[in-house]
């Protein structure tokens, strides 16, 4: 479950980023994220605060391994 506290968060589903599928989530928006479904959640230039909570195991898997952040060296 996630709640947008401040700012606007954008959310879309799919295997690749598609700006046309983004839905704007303004402050106060609440949503649940289904497990195992590829998604993307960019922000705009303004700061965004979200509260995310859940129960059970969780992980982050990148559809394209090249997009995965690299550790600082």
Protein backbone atom coordinates (compact mmCIF):
# COMPACT_ATOMS: atom_id res chain seq x y z
CA UNK A 1 0.00 0.00 0.00
CA UNK A 2 1.24 3.48 -0.73
CA UNK A 3 -0.04 6.94 0.18
CA UNK A 4 1.15 10.10 -1.56
CA UNK A 5 1.85 12.58 1.24
CA UNK A 6 3.25 15.55 -0.70
CA UNK A 7 3.78 16.38 -4.35
CA UNK A 8 2.54 14.43 -7.35
CA UNK A 9 3.70 10.90 -8.15
CA UNK A 10 3.09 9.34 -11.55
CA UNK A 11 2.42 5.64 -11.92
CA UNK A 12 2.06 3.29 -14.88
CA UNK A 13 2.10 -0.43 -15.64
CA UNK A 14 3.97 -2.30 -18.36
CA UNK A 15 7.26 -3.89 -19.32
CA UNK A 16 8.68 -0.63 -20.71
CA UNK A 17 8.25 3.01 -19.74
CA UNK A 18 5.34 4.62 -21.60
CA UNK A 19 4.51 8.22 -20.64
CA UNK A 20 1.04 7.86 -22.19
CA UNK A 21 0.07 5.28 -19.56
CA UNK A 22 1.04 7.41 -16.56
CA UNK A 23 -1.63 8.27 -14.02
CA UNK A 24 -1.04 11.30 -11.78
CA UNK A 25 -1.38 10.53 -8.08
CA UNK A 26 -1.81 13.81 -6.14
CA UNK A 27 -1.42 14.17 -2.34
CA UNK A 28 -3.88 11.94 -0.50
CA UNK A 29 -3.89 9.27 -3.22
CA UNK A 30 -3.78 5.71 -1.91
CA UNK A 31 -3.15 2.63 -4.01
CA UNK A 32 -2.13 -0.97 -3.67
CA UNK A 33 0.45 -2.48 -5.94
CA UNK A 34 -0.22 -6.00 -7.21
CA UNK A 35 2.69 -8.41 -6.79
CA UNK A 36 4.62 -9.55 -9.82
CA UNK A 37 3.32 -6.84 -12.15
CA UNK A 38 5.87 -4.64 -13.92
CA UNK A 39 5.42 -0.94 -13.28
CA UNK A 40 7.20 2.42 -13.30
CA UNK A 41 6.78 5.39 -10.98
CA UNK A 42 8.65 8.55 -12.04
CA UNK A 43 8.48 11.92 -10.35
CA UNK A 44 8.56 15.40 -11.85
CA UNK A 45 10.88 18.23 -10.87
CA UNK A 46 9.07 18.81 -7.55
CA UNK A 47 9.78 16.86 -4.37
CA UNK A 48 7.45 13.93 -3.66
CA UNK A 49 6.82 12.24 -0.31
CA UNK A 50 5.23 8.79 -0.17
CA UNK A 51 4.53 6.38 2.66
CA UNK A 52 4.80 2.74 1.65
CA UNK A 53 3.79 -0.13 3.90
CA UNK A 54 3.20 -3.80 3.39
CA UNK A 55 3.23 -7.24 4.83
CA UNK A 56 5.24 -10.23 3.73
CA UNK A 57 8.24 -10.65 1.46
CA UNK A 58 9.07 -7.94 -1.03
CA UNK A 59 11.73 -7.29 -3.60
CA UNK A 60 12.69 -5.08 -6.51
CA UNK A 61 13.36 -6.63 -9.89
CA UNK A 62 14.30 -4.57 -12.91
CA UNK A 63 12.73 -5.70 -16.19
CA UNK A 64 15.83 -4.45 -17.97
CA UNK A 65 18.94 -5.29 -15.90
CA UNK A 66 20.75 -2.33 -17.51
CA UNK A 67 18.37 0.00 -15.62
CA UNK A 68 19.36 -1.37 -12.22
CA UNK A 69 21.28 1.23 -10.14
CA UNK A 70 24.95 0.43 -9.72
CA UNK A 71 26.52 0.55 -6.22
CA UNK A 72 28.74 3.55 -5.47
CA UNK A 73 32.42 2.84 -5.96
